[in-house]
Structures are given as structure tokens and as C-alpha cells.
């Protein structure tokens, strides 16, 4: 089995996905309700640092040591290297009262998404919220990709560490509800409706 492939972050700048998801994601957050936030798979820390600048209380973890080094340049005490395999948060975060987890463009890369959602549950308390963004797939978009012969470029098998799961609103919602969450919000982001680049699903832990 191959070792973890680092994404290859080079700066703290906004990554491309936030150009069309960030503002929609912000509409789902409330400082009075989302008081302690964890960004699982925070990459170079862009979102965490941005939310901190807006007054949110946020921490970030990622498997990319290079990404965490970059993230810490802005807020050194808010970022930690995270290996999901032990099934627990870094020691420094284990006693924090997280009421919200955000995970942006991560779940499509995971071999075991069910395990990831269960991991999120262990870090949250009842009535806490989970917000996930992932590339959108649905009948119309899939049909367009087929008609224009774009599947090879859209899901290139040559991209080491690339997307291995294609999520629709239905399949991601089922994953969440099966784990004990109630889906409360759906937002399509980027392009025109039903050809969205990504989607955001927010769910509450029952």
C-alpha cells in the first residue's frame, strides 16, 4: 500500500475551491451558536485563519505536515498534524468542547468515509453540527460529462491521492443519516444549478 501523498501546499493563499464555496459556507455559521469549530482536513489553514480573522474560535488539523507548517505562520497555536487512523484527536484538542466540525473537499479522497463520519461523531456532542463540502455529482452533471467525454479528465486515475468517491446529495445525505445526523441544509456552489462544482451539506447530530 502506498504511503500518504502530501497535497503539496506552497502558500497560505485561498485554494481554488474556496472561490465558490467560502461565502456560502459562511452563511451556515453563527458566532453565537458555532462557538468552538474544528476544521478536519484544513490543508494550508486558509479557512481557519480566515474565520479567526472574523472572530470565530477555530482549530484545524490535517495530515499534511507541510500544510500545517504554512498554517502556523499566521496562528501557531491553532493547527495540528492529524492522522485519523488512531481514531482520536491530537492530545491538545481532546478536551475542547467542539460544537461544529467543518470538512472541505476531503471526503471524496477517503477510502472509508463511514469511518470518517464516525470519527467526527466522537469529537462532537449532541446537537452539534457537521458541515461538509465535496464535488457535486448528479444525473444531469454526470450526463453532461458523458456527452462531452470528460470523465477521464474529471476523475483522472493518474492523479495520485485524487478523488476516489463521487458523492450526490442523496448518497452523502444517506451516509450522514445512517450515522445519526439530520441533514438541515444543502447548497450547490459554482456554475449553474445541477452543474454545480461542489455542494455543501450541513447536518445536526441527534
N, C-alpha and C. Protein backbone atom coordinates (compact mmCIF):
# COMPACT_ATOMS: atom_id res chain seq x y z
N UNK A 1 0.85 -1.19 0.00
CA UNK A 1 0.00 0.00 0.00
C UNK A 1 0.88 1.24 0.00
N UNK A 2 0.51 2.25 -0.76
CA UNK A 2 1.29 3.47 -0.86
C UNK A 2 1.19 4.30 0.41
N UNK A 3 2.25 5.05 0.70
CA UNK A 3 2.24 5.96 1.82
C UNK A 3 1.37 7.17 1.48
N UNK A 4 1.06 7.96 2.54
CA UNK A 4 0.28 9.18 2.34
C UNK A 4 0.99 10.10 1.36
N UNK A 5 0.24 10.65 0.42
CA UNK A 5 0.79 11.57 -0.57
C UNK A 5 0.43 12.99 -0.17
N UNK A 6 1.43 13.79 0.20
CA UNK A 6 1.19 15.16 0.61
C UNK A 6 0.64 15.96 -0.56
N UNK A 7 -0.37 16.81 -0.28
CA UNK A 7 -1.03 17.58 -1.34
C UNK A 7 -0.05 18.50 -2.04
N UNK A 8 0.92 19.04 -1.32
CA UNK A 8 1.91 19.92 -1.93
C UNK A 8 1.55 21.39 -1.83
N UNK A 9 1.22 21.84 -0.62
CA UNK A 9 0.90 23.25 -0.41
C UNK A 9 2.16 24.10 -0.50
N UNK A 10 2.01 25.28 -1.12
CA UNK A 10 3.16 26.16 -1.29
C UNK A 10 2.96 27.53 -0.66
N UNK A 11 1.73 27.86 -0.29
CA UNK A 11 1.46 29.16 0.31
C UNK A 11 0.20 29.08 1.15
N UNK A 12 -0.10 30.17 1.83
CA UNK A 12 -1.30 30.25 2.68
C UNK A 12 -2.49 30.84 1.93
N UNK A 13 -2.35 31.03 0.64
CA UNK A 13 -3.40 31.67 -0.14
C UNK A 13 -4.64 30.77 -0.29
N UNK A 14 -5.76 31.40 -0.63
CA UNK A 14 -7.01 30.69 -0.86
C UNK A 14 -6.83 29.62 -1.93
N UNK A 15 -7.23 28.40 -1.63
CA UNK A 15 -7.22 27.35 -2.64
C UNK A 15 -8.47 27.50 -3.51
N UNK A 16 -8.44 26.91 -4.71
CA UNK A 16 -9.44 27.22 -5.73
C UNK A 16 -10.87 26.93 -5.28
N UNK A 17 -11.08 25.91 -4.46
CA UNK A 17 -12.45 25.54 -4.07
C UNK A 17 -13.14 26.62 -3.25
N UNK A 18 -12.37 27.41 -2.51
CA UNK A 18 -12.99 28.44 -1.67
C UNK A 18 -13.49 29.63 -2.49
N UNK A 19 -13.07 29.73 -3.74
CA UNK A 19 -13.55 30.82 -4.59
C UNK A 19 -15.06 30.72 -4.80
N UNK A 20 -15.59 29.50 -4.75
CA UNK A 20 -17.03 29.33 -4.96
C UNK A 20 -17.76 28.69 -3.78
N UNK A 21 -17.05 28.32 -2.71
CA UNK A 21 -17.73 27.74 -1.55
C UNK A 21 -17.65 28.60 -0.30
N UNK A 22 -16.66 29.47 -0.21
CA UNK A 22 -16.42 30.18 1.06
C UNK A 22 -17.62 31.00 1.52
N UNK A 23 -18.16 31.85 0.65
CA UNK A 23 -19.24 32.74 1.07
C UNK A 23 -20.50 31.95 1.44
N UNK A 24 -20.77 30.89 0.70
CA UNK A 24 -21.93 30.05 1.02
C UNK A 24 -21.73 29.36 2.36
N UNK A 25 -20.52 28.92 2.62
CA UNK A 25 -20.22 28.26 3.89
C UNK A 25 -20.39 29.22 5.06
N UNK A 26 -19.98 30.46 4.87
CA UNK A 26 -20.08 31.45 5.94
C UNK A 26 -21.54 31.69 6.35
N UNK A 27 -22.44 31.57 5.40
CA UNK A 27 -23.86 31.77 5.69
C UNK A 27 -24.42 30.70 6.64
N UNK A 28 -23.70 29.59 6.76
CA UNK A 28 -24.15 28.50 7.62
C UNK A 28 -23.57 28.58 9.03
N UNK A 29 -22.76 29.61 9.29
CA UNK A 29 -22.10 29.75 10.59
C UNK A 29 -22.63 30.95 11.35
N UNK A 30 -22.71 30.80 12.66
CA UNK A 30 -23.19 31.85 13.55
C UNK A 30 -22.29 31.85 14.79
N UNK A 31 -21.64 32.99 15.07
CA UNK A 31 -20.72 33.06 16.20
C UNK A 31 -21.39 32.72 17.52
N UNK A 32 -22.68 33.01 17.64
CA UNK A 32 -23.39 32.74 18.89
C UNK A 32 -23.75 31.27 19.06
N UNK A 33 -23.72 30.53 17.96
CA UNK A 33 -24.07 29.11 18.00
C UNK A 33 -22.86 28.22 17.76
N UNK A 34 -22.05 28.58 16.79
CA UNK A 34 -20.86 27.79 16.44
C UNK A 34 -19.67 28.38 17.19
N UNK A 35 -19.56 28.00 18.46
CA UNK A 35 -18.61 28.65 19.36
C UNK A 35 -17.23 28.00 19.39
N UNK A 36 -17.16 26.74 18.99
CA UNK A 36 -15.87 26.04 19.00
C UNK A 36 -15.83 25.11 17.79
N UNK A 37 -15.08 25.51 16.79
CA UNK A 37 -15.11 24.86 15.48
C UNK A 37 -13.80 24.12 15.21
N UNK A 38 -13.92 22.94 14.62
CA UNK A 38 -12.75 22.17 14.17
C UNK A 38 -12.84 21.98 12.67
N UNK A 39 -11.79 22.35 11.96
CA UNK A 39 -11.69 22.11 10.52
C UNK A 39 -10.84 20.86 10.32
N UNK A 40 -11.50 19.75 9.98
CA UNK A 40 -10.79 18.49 9.74
C UNK A 40 -10.35 18.42 8.29
N UNK A 41 -9.04 18.37 8.08
CA UNK A 41 -8.51 18.43 6.72
C UNK A 41 -8.35 19.87 6.28
N UNK A 42 -7.74 20.66 7.15
CA UNK A 42 -7.67 22.11 6.93
C UNK A 42 -6.66 22.54 5.88
N UNK A 43 -5.83 21.60 5.40
CA UNK A 43 -4.87 21.94 4.35
C UNK A 43 -3.86 22.98 4.80
N UNK A 44 -3.79 24.09 4.07
CA UNK A 44 -2.83 25.15 4.40
C UNK A 44 -3.39 26.12 5.43
N UNK A 45 -4.56 25.81 5.99
CA UNK A 45 -5.12 26.62 7.06
C UNK A 45 -5.86 27.86 6.62
N UNK A 46 -6.08 28.01 5.32
CA UNK A 46 -6.70 29.24 4.83
C UNK A 46 -8.04 29.53 5.52
N UNK A 47 -8.95 28.54 5.53
CA UNK A 47 -10.28 28.78 6.08
C UNK A 47 -10.22 29.07 7.58
N UNK A 48 -9.43 28.30 8.31
CA UNK A 48 -9.31 28.53 9.75
C UNK A 48 -8.82 29.94 10.03
N UNK A 49 -7.76 30.35 9.38
CA UNK A 49 -7.20 31.68 9.60
C UNK A 49 -8.18 32.77 9.19
N UNK A 50 -8.93 32.52 8.13
CA UNK A 50 -9.93 33.50 7.69
C UNK A 50 -11.04 33.63 8.73
N UNK A 51 -11.54 32.50 9.23
CA UNK A 51 -12.60 32.53 10.23
C UNK A 51 -12.12 33.17 11.53
N UNK A 52 -10.89 32.89 11.92
CA UNK A 52 -10.33 33.54 13.12
C UNK A 52 -10.31 35.05 12.93
N UNK A 53 -9.97 35.52 11.74
CA UNK A 53 -9.94 36.96 11.48
C UNK A 53 -11.32 37.58 11.58
N UNK A 54 -12.37 36.77 11.43
CA UNK A 54 -13.75 37.24 11.56
C UNK A 54 -14.29 37.11 12.98
N UNK A 55 -13.46 36.57 13.88
CA UNK A 55 -13.86 36.47 15.28
C UNK A 55 -14.36 35.11 15.73
N UNK A 56 -14.26 34.09 14.86
CA UNK A 56 -14.66 32.74 15.25
C UNK A 56 -13.54 32.05 16.03
N UNK A 57 -13.92 31.09 16.85
CA UNK A 57 -12.97 30.28 17.60
C UNK A 57 -12.78 28.96 16.84
N UNK A 58 -11.65 28.80 16.16
CA UNK A 58 -11.47 27.69 15.22
C UNK A 58 -10.09 27.06 15.38
N UNK A 59 -10.06 25.73 15.21
CA UNK A 59 -8.82 24.97 15.18
C UNK A 59 -8.80 24.14 13.90
N UNK A 60 -7.60 23.74 13.47
CA UNK A 60 -7.51 22.95 12.25
C UNK A 60 -6.53 21.81 12.38
N UNK A 61 -6.85 20.69 11.72
CA UNK A 61 -5.93 19.56 11.66
C UNK A 61 -5.83 19.08 10.22
N UNK A 62 -4.69 18.49 9.88
CA UNK A 62 -4.50 17.94 8.54
C UNK A 62 -3.35 16.94 8.58
N UNK A 63 -3.39 16.00 7.64
CA UNK A 63 -2.31 15.01 7.54
C UNK A 63 -1.06 15.60 6.89
N UNK A 64 -1.22 16.75 6.23
CA UNK A 64 -0.10 17.37 5.52
C UNK A 64 0.77 18.18 6.49
N UNK A 65 1.96 17.69 6.78
CA UNK A 65 2.87 18.43 7.65
C UNK A 65 3.26 19.76 7.02
N UNK A 66 3.41 19.76 5.70
CA UNK A 66 3.77 20.99 5.00
C UNK A 66 2.65 22.02 5.11
N UNK A 67 1.40 21.54 4.96
CA UNK A 67 0.26 22.44 5.10
C UNK A 67 0.17 23.04 6.49
N UNK A 68 0.40 22.23 7.52
CA UNK A 68 0.31 22.71 8.90
C UNK A 68 1.42 23.72 9.19
N UNK A 69 2.60 23.50 8.66
CA UNK A 69 3.69 24.47 8.85
C UNK A 69 3.30 25.83 8.27
N UNK A 70 2.70 25.81 7.09
CA UNK A 70 2.25 27.06 6.46
C UNK A 70 1.14 27.70 7.29
N UNK A 71 0.19 26.90 7.74
CA UNK A 71 -0.93 27.42 8.52
C UNK A 71 -0.47 28.09 9.81
N UNK A 72 0.53 27.50 10.46
CA UNK A 72 1.01 28.01 11.74
C UNK A 72 1.73 29.35 11.62
N UNK A 73 2.08 29.74 10.43
CA UNK A 73 2.74 31.04 10.26
C UNK A 73 1.82 32.18 10.68
N UNK A 74 0.51 31.97 10.62
CA UNK A 74 -0.46 33.01 10.98
C UNK A 74 -0.96 32.83 12.40
N UNK A 75 -1.37 31.62 12.75
CA UNK A 75 -1.87 31.34 14.11
C UNK A 75 -1.22 30.05 14.61
N UNK A 76 -0.04 30.14 15.20
CA UNK A 76 0.74 28.94 15.52
C UNK A 76 0.11 27.99 16.51
N UNK A 77 -0.81 28.47 17.36
CA UNK A 77 -1.37 27.60 18.39
C UNK A 77 -2.70 26.97 17.98
N UNK A 78 -3.07 27.08 16.70
CA UNK A 78 -4.38 26.62 16.26
C UNK A 78 -4.36 25.42 15.31
N UNK A 79 -3.18 24.91 15.01
CA UNK A 79 -3.07 23.87 13.99
C UNK A 79 -2.26 22.68 14.47
N UNK A 80 -2.72 21.47 14.04
CA UNK A 80 -2.07 20.24 14.49
C UNK A 80 -2.08 19.21 13.36
N UNK A 81 -1.00 18.46 13.28
CA UNK A 81 -0.94 17.34 12.33
C UNK A 81 -1.88 16.25 12.83
N UNK A 82 -2.73 15.74 11.94
CA UNK A 82 -3.77 14.79 12.32
C UNK A 82 -3.71 13.53 11.47
N UNK A 83 -3.46 12.41 12.11
CA UNK A 83 -3.57 11.10 11.47
C UNK A 83 -4.86 10.48 11.98
N UNK A 84 -5.81 10.21 11.08
CA UNK A 84 -7.11 9.70 11.50
C UNK A 84 -7.07 8.25 11.98
N UNK A 85 -6.03 7.52 11.63
CA UNK A 85 -6.02 6.08 11.91
C UNK A 85 -6.10 5.74 13.40
N UNK A 86 -5.54 6.53 14.33
CA UNK A 86 -5.69 6.18 15.75
C UNK A 86 -7.10 6.36 16.28
N UNK A 87 -7.96 7.06 15.53
CA UNK A 87 -9.34 7.24 15.94
C UNK A 87 -9.55 8.26 17.03
N UNK A 88 -8.61 9.18 17.21
CA UNK A 88 -8.79 10.22 18.22
C UNK A 88 -8.06 11.49 17.77
N UNK A 89 -8.48 12.59 18.35
CA UNK A 89 -7.88 13.88 18.04
C UNK A 89 -6.50 14.00 18.67
N UNK A 90 -5.68 14.92 18.18
CA UNK A 90 -4.42 15.21 18.87
C UNK A 90 -4.68 15.56 20.33
N UNK A 91 -3.76 15.23 21.18
CA UNK A 91 -3.95 15.39 22.63
C UNK A 91 -4.36 16.80 23.01
N UNK A 92 -3.80 17.79 22.32
CA UNK A 92 -4.09 19.18 22.66
C UNK A 92 -5.54 19.57 22.42
N UNK A 93 -6.26 18.78 21.60
CA UNK A 93 -7.63 19.12 21.24
C UNK A 93 -8.67 18.24 21.91
N UNK A 94 -8.24 17.21 22.60
CA UNK A 94 -9.18 16.19 23.07
C UNK A 94 -10.19 16.69 24.09
N UNK A 95 -9.87 17.75 24.83
CA UNK A 95 -10.78 18.24 25.86
C UNK A 95 -11.51 19.51 25.46
N UNK A 96 -11.39 19.90 24.21
CA UNK A 96 -12.09 21.11 23.76
C UNK A 96 -13.54 20.78 23.40
N UNK A 97 -14.48 21.68 23.71
CA UNK A 97 -15.91 21.41 23.50
C UNK A 97 -16.36 21.75 22.07
N UNK A 98 -15.96 20.96 21.12
CA UNK A 98 -16.30 21.26 19.73
C UNK A 98 -17.80 21.08 19.50
N UNK A 99 -18.44 22.16 19.02
CA UNK A 99 -19.85 22.09 18.66
C UNK A 99 -20.05 22.09 17.15
N UNK A 100 -18.95 22.20 16.41
CA UNK A 100 -19.03 22.26 14.95
C UNK A 100 -17.77 21.65 14.34
N UNK A 101 -17.96 20.81 13.33
CA UNK A 101 -16.84 20.34 12.51
C UNK A 101 -17.11 20.75 11.07
N UNK A 102 -16.09 21.30 10.45
CA UNK A 102 -16.13 21.63 9.02
C UNK A 102 -15.12 20.74 8.32
N UNK A 103 -15.49 20.19 7.19
CA UNK A 103 -14.57 19.40 6.38
C UNK A 103 -14.78 19.76 4.92
N UNK A 104 -13.81 20.41 4.32
CA UNK A 104 -13.96 20.92 2.96
C UNK A 104 -13.13 20.11 1.96
N UNK A 105 -13.83 19.51 1.00
CA UNK A 105 -13.18 18.79 -0.10
C UNK A 105 -12.22 17.71 0.41
N UNK A 106 -12.70 16.94 1.37
CA UNK A 106 -11.90 15.86 1.96
C UNK A 106 -12.52 14.50 1.69
N UNK A 107 -13.83 14.38 1.90
CA UNK A 107 -14.47 13.06 1.94
C UNK A 107 -14.38 12.32 0.61
N UNK A 108 -14.22 13.04 -0.49
CA UNK A 108 -14.10 12.38 -1.80
C UNK A 108 -12.75 11.68 -1.98
N UNK A 109 -11.81 11.94 -1.07
CA UNK A 109 -10.48 11.32 -1.14
C UNK A 109 -10.36 10.09 -0.24
N UNK A 110 -11.39 9.80 0.56
CA UNK A 110 -11.26 8.82 1.63
C UNK A 110 -11.76 7.44 1.23
N UNK A 111 -10.98 6.43 1.56
CA UNK A 111 -11.37 5.04 1.32
C UNK A 111 -12.52 4.63 2.23
N UNK A 112 -12.53 5.16 3.46
CA UNK A 112 -13.54 4.76 4.45
C UNK A 112 -14.31 6.00 4.93
N UNK A 113 -15.22 6.53 4.14
CA UNK A 113 -15.97 7.73 4.58
C UNK A 113 -16.85 7.47 5.79
N UNK A 114 -17.37 6.26 5.94
CA UNK A 114 -18.17 5.94 7.12
C UNK A 114 -17.34 6.07 8.39
N UNK A 115 -16.11 5.58 8.33
CA UNK A 115 -15.21 5.71 9.46
C UNK A 115 -14.91 7.16 9.78
N UNK A 116 -14.81 7.98 8.74
CA UNK A 116 -14.55 9.40 8.94
C UNK A 116 -15.72 10.08 9.65
N UNK A 117 -16.95 9.78 9.23
CA UNK A 117 -18.12 10.36 9.87
C UNK A 117 -18.23 9.90 11.33
N UNK A 118 -17.93 8.64 11.58
CA UNK A 118 -17.94 8.15 12.96
C UNK A 118 -16.87 8.83 13.80
N UNK A 119 -15.74 9.13 13.19
CA UNK A 119 -14.68 9.88 13.87
C UNK A 119 -15.21 11.26 14.26
N UNK A 120 -15.92 11.91 13.34
CA UNK A 120 -16.50 13.23 13.63
C UNK A 120 -17.45 13.15 14.82
N UNK A 121 -18.24 12.07 14.88
CA UNK A 121 -19.20 11.91 15.98
C UNK A 121 -18.50 11.87 17.33
N UNK A 122 -17.34 11.23 17.39
CA UNK A 122 -16.63 11.12 18.67
C UNK A 122 -16.11 12.46 19.16
N UNK A 123 -15.94 13.41 18.24
CA UNK A 123 -15.40 14.72 18.60
C UNK A 123 -16.49 15.74 18.89
N UNK A 124 -17.76 15.37 18.67
CA UNK A 124 -18.88 16.29 18.82
C UNK A 124 -19.82 15.85 19.94
N UNK A 125 -20.59 16.82 20.46
CA UNK A 125 -21.62 16.46 21.42
C UNK A 125 -22.99 16.51 20.75
N UNK A 126 -24.03 16.09 21.46
CA UNK A 126 -25.38 16.07 20.91
C UNK A 126 -25.80 17.47 20.45
N UNK A 127 -26.50 17.52 19.32
CA UNK A 127 -26.98 18.76 18.71
C UNK A 127 -25.85 19.59 18.08
N UNK A 128 -24.65 19.02 18.02
CA UNK A 128 -23.56 19.69 17.33
C UNK A 128 -23.77 19.58 15.82
N UNK A 129 -22.98 20.33 15.06
CA UNK A 129 -23.17 20.41 13.62
C UNK A 129 -21.93 19.96 12.84
N UNK A 130 -22.19 19.33 11.72
CA UNK A 130 -21.15 18.89 10.79
C UNK A 130 -21.44 19.52 9.43
N UNK A 131 -20.45 20.20 8.88
CA UNK A 131 -20.58 20.84 7.57
C UNK A 131 -19.55 20.25 6.63
N UNK A 132 -20.01 19.69 5.54
CA UNK A 132 -19.13 19.02 4.58
C UNK A 132 -19.29 19.66 3.21
N UNK A 133 -18.17 19.94 2.56
CA UNK A 133 -18.21 20.31 1.15
C UNK A 133 -17.48 19.24 0.36
N UNK A 134 -18.00 18.95 -0.82
CA UNK A 134 -17.40 17.93 -1.69
C UNK A 134 -17.86 18.18 -3.12
N UNK A 135 -17.12 17.76 -4.13
CA UNK A 135 -17.59 17.93 -5.51
C UNK A 135 -18.97 17.33 -5.70
N UNK A 136 -19.84 18.07 -6.39
CA UNK A 136 -21.21 17.63 -6.61
C UNK A 136 -21.31 16.70 -7.82
N UNK A 137 -22.11 15.66 -7.67
CA UNK A 137 -22.47 14.80 -8.80
C UNK A 137 -23.96 14.51 -8.74
N UNK A 138 -24.56 14.46 -9.89
CA UNK A 138 -25.97 14.16 -10.02
C UNK A 138 -26.26 13.79 -11.47
N UNK A 139 -27.47 13.38 -11.75
CA UNK A 139 -27.82 12.83 -13.06
C UNK A 139 -27.44 13.77 -14.20
N UNK A 140 -27.84 15.03 -14.11
CA UNK A 140 -27.61 15.97 -15.22
C UNK A 140 -26.11 16.21 -15.42
N UNK A 141 -25.38 16.45 -14.33
CA UNK A 141 -23.95 16.69 -14.46
C UNK A 141 -23.24 15.45 -15.00
N UNK A 142 -23.61 14.29 -14.51
CA UNK A 142 -22.99 13.06 -14.99
C UNK A 142 -23.27 12.84 -16.47
N UNK A 143 -24.49 13.18 -16.90
CA UNK A 143 -24.86 13.04 -18.31
C UNK A 143 -24.03 13.98 -19.18
N UNK A 144 -23.86 15.22 -18.74
CA UNK A 144 -23.06 16.19 -19.49
C UNK A 144 -21.61 15.73 -19.59
N UNK A 145 -21.06 15.23 -18.50
CA UNK A 145 -19.68 14.72 -18.53
C UNK A 145 -19.55 13.58 -19.53
N UNK A 146 -20.57 12.74 -19.61
CA UNK A 146 -20.54 11.62 -20.56
C UNK A 146 -20.67 12.11 -22.00
N UNK A 147 -21.59 13.03 -22.23
CA UNK A 147 -21.82 13.53 -23.60
C UNK A 147 -20.60 14.21 -24.18
N UNK A 148 -19.85 14.90 -23.33
CA UNK A 148 -18.67 15.62 -23.79
C UNK A 148 -17.37 14.86 -23.52
N UNK A 149 -17.50 13.59 -23.14
CA UNK A 149 -16.34 12.72 -22.96
C UNK A 149 -15.30 13.34 -22.01
N UNK A 150 -15.77 13.78 -20.83
CA UNK A 150 -14.90 14.48 -19.89
C UNK A 150 -14.53 13.66 -18.65
N UNK A 151 -14.97 12.40 -18.61
CA UNK A 151 -14.73 11.63 -17.39
C UNK A 151 -13.25 11.40 -17.12
N UNK A 152 -12.45 11.17 -18.16
CA UNK A 152 -11.03 10.90 -17.94
C UNK A 152 -10.31 12.09 -17.31
N UNK A 153 -10.67 13.29 -17.73
CA UNK A 153 -10.05 14.48 -17.14
C UNK A 153 -10.70 14.84 -15.81
N UNK A 154 -11.99 14.57 -15.68
CA UNK A 154 -12.71 14.92 -14.46
C UNK A 154 -12.27 14.04 -13.28
N UNK A 155 -12.06 12.78 -13.52
CA UNK A 155 -11.64 11.85 -12.47
C UNK A 155 -10.42 11.06 -12.95
N UNK A 156 -9.35 11.79 -13.15
CA UNK A 156 -8.15 11.15 -13.70
C UNK A 156 -7.59 10.09 -12.75
N UNK A 157 -7.47 8.85 -13.19
CA UNK A 157 -6.88 7.82 -12.35
C UNK A 157 -5.37 8.01 -12.18
N UNK A 158 -4.81 8.95 -12.94
CA UNK A 158 -3.38 9.22 -12.85
C UNK A 158 -3.04 10.20 -11.73
N UNK A 159 -4.06 10.80 -11.09
CA UNK A 159 -3.84 11.74 -10.00
C UNK A 159 -3.66 10.96 -8.71
N UNK A 160 -2.42 10.84 -8.26
CA UNK A 160 -2.12 10.12 -7.04
C UNK A 160 -2.68 10.90 -5.85
N UNK A 161 -3.57 10.25 -5.09
CA UNK A 161 -4.22 10.93 -3.99
C UNK A 161 -5.46 11.68 -4.40
N UNK A 162 -5.95 11.43 -5.61
CA UNK A 162 -7.11 12.17 -6.14
C UNK A 162 -8.43 11.66 -5.62
N UNK A 163 -9.51 12.05 -6.31
CA UNK A 163 -10.86 11.69 -5.88
C UNK A 163 -11.15 10.21 -6.14
N UNK A 164 -11.64 9.53 -5.12
CA UNK A 164 -11.98 8.11 -5.29
C UNK A 164 -13.46 7.85 -5.00
N UNK A 165 -14.18 8.86 -4.52
CA UNK A 165 -15.62 8.72 -4.24
C UNK A 165 -16.37 9.87 -4.91
N UNK A 166 -17.43 9.55 -5.64
CA UNK A 166 -18.28 10.56 -6.25
C UNK A 166 -19.57 10.65 -5.45
N UNK A 167 -19.84 11.82 -4.88
CA UNK A 167 -20.98 11.98 -3.99
C UNK A 167 -22.10 12.77 -4.66
N UNK A 168 -23.31 12.31 -4.50
CA UNK A 168 -24.50 13.08 -4.84
C UNK A 168 -25.11 13.56 -3.52
N UNK A 169 -26.06 14.46 -3.61
CA UNK A 169 -26.75 14.91 -2.40
C UNK A 169 -27.42 13.72 -1.70
N UNK A 170 -27.95 12.80 -2.48
CA UNK A 170 -28.64 11.64 -1.92
C UNK A 170 -27.69 10.72 -1.18
N UNK A 171 -26.55 10.39 -1.79
CA UNK A 171 -25.65 9.43 -1.15
C UNK A 171 -24.96 10.03 0.07
N UNK A 172 -24.57 11.30 0.01
CA UNK A 172 -23.93 11.91 1.18
C UNK A 172 -24.94 12.08 2.30
N UNK A 173 -26.16 12.45 1.97
CA UNK A 173 -27.21 12.57 3.00
C UNK A 173 -27.47 11.23 3.67
N UNK A 174 -27.48 10.15 2.89
CA UNK A 174 -27.71 8.82 3.47
C UNK A 174 -26.57 8.44 4.42
N UNK A 175 -25.33 8.74 4.01
CA UNK A 175 -24.20 8.46 4.88
C UNK A 175 -24.36 9.14 6.23
N UNK A 176 -24.82 10.38 6.19
CA UNK A 176 -24.97 11.16 7.42
C UNK A 176 -26.15 10.67 8.26
N UNK A 177 -27.28 10.43 7.63
CA UNK A 177 -28.46 9.99 8.39
C UNK A 177 -28.24 8.60 8.98
N UNK A 178 -27.56 7.73 8.25
CA UNK A 178 -27.25 6.40 8.78
C UNK A 178 -26.37 6.48 10.02
N UNK A 179 -25.60 7.57 10.12
CA UNK A 179 -24.71 7.74 11.27
C UNK A 179 -25.37 8.49 12.42
N UNK A 180 -26.63 8.86 12.26
CA UNK A 180 -27.34 9.52 13.35
C UNK A 180 -27.44 11.03 13.23
N UNK A 181 -27.15 11.56 12.06
CA UNK A 181 -27.29 13.00 11.82
C UNK A 181 -28.62 13.29 11.12
N UNK A 182 -29.07 14.52 11.26
CA UNK A 182 -30.21 15.03 10.50
C UNK A 182 -29.73 16.12 9.57
N UNK A 183 -29.92 15.96 8.28
CA UNK A 183 -29.49 16.96 7.31
C UNK A 183 -30.40 18.17 7.40
N UNK A 184 -29.80 19.36 7.51
CA UNK A 184 -30.57 20.59 7.69
C UNK A 184 -30.41 21.57 6.53
N UNK A 185 -29.31 21.47 5.78
CA UNK A 185 -29.07 22.43 4.70
C UNK A 185 -28.34 21.79 3.54
N UNK A 186 -28.69 22.24 2.33
CA UNK A 186 -27.96 21.87 1.11
C UNK A 186 -27.74 23.14 0.30
N UNK A 187 -26.51 23.34 -0.17
CA UNK A 187 -26.20 24.48 -1.04
C UNK A 187 -25.34 23.98 -2.19
N UNK A 188 -25.74 24.25 -3.42
CA UNK A 188 -24.90 23.98 -4.58
C UNK A 188 -24.04 25.19 -4.88
N UNK A 189 -22.78 24.96 -5.20
CA UNK A 189 -21.82 26.06 -5.35
C UNK A 189 -21.07 25.96 -6.69
N UNK A 190 -20.95 27.10 -7.35
CA UNK A 190 -20.18 27.15 -8.60
C UNK A 190 -21.02 26.71 -9.79
N UNK A 191 -20.90 27.39 -10.89
CA UNK A 191 -21.65 27.12 -12.11
C UNK A 191 -23.16 27.31 -11.91
N UNK A 192 -23.91 26.78 -12.87
CA UNK A 192 -25.37 26.90 -12.85
C UNK A 192 -25.95 25.71 -12.09
N UNK A 193 -27.22 25.81 -11.64
CA UNK A 193 -27.83 24.71 -10.90
C UNK A 193 -27.74 23.36 -11.63
N UNK A 194 -27.43 22.33 -10.85
CA UNK A 194 -27.32 20.93 -11.28
C UNK A 194 -26.06 20.64 -12.11
N UNK A 195 -25.28 21.70 -12.37
CA UNK A 195 -23.93 21.50 -12.90
C UNK A 195 -22.92 22.05 -11.90
N UNK A 196 -23.35 22.17 -10.63
CA UNK A 196 -22.50 22.75 -9.60
C UNK A 196 -21.13 22.07 -9.55
N UNK A 197 -20.12 22.88 -9.21
CA UNK A 197 -18.79 22.32 -8.98
C UNK A 197 -18.77 21.54 -7.67
N UNK A 198 -19.31 22.14 -6.62
CA UNK A 198 -19.32 21.50 -5.30
C UNK A 198 -20.68 21.68 -4.64
N UNK A 199 -20.87 20.97 -3.56
CA UNK A 199 -22.07 21.13 -2.75
C UNK A 199 -21.65 21.20 -1.29
N UNK A 200 -22.50 21.86 -0.51
CA UNK A 200 -22.30 21.92 0.94
C UNK A 200 -23.52 21.28 1.59
N UNK A 201 -23.26 20.35 2.48
CA UNK A 201 -24.33 19.74 3.27
C UNK A 201 -24.03 19.96 4.75
N UNK A 202 -25.03 20.49 5.44
CA UNK A 202 -24.91 20.72 6.88
C UNK A 202 -25.87 19.76 7.59
N UNK A 203 -25.39 19.15 8.66
CA UNK A 203 -26.20 18.18 9.39
C UNK A 203 -26.02 18.37 10.89
N UNK A 204 -27.05 18.02 11.64
CA UNK A 204 -27.04 18.12 13.10
C UNK A 204 -26.98 16.73 13.71
N UNK A 205 -26.14 16.56 14.71
CA UNK A 205 -26.02 15.27 15.39
C UNK A 205 -27.16 15.10 16.39
N UNK A 206 -27.97 14.06 16.20
CA UNK A 206 -29.13 13.85 17.06
C UNK A 206 -28.72 13.38 18.46
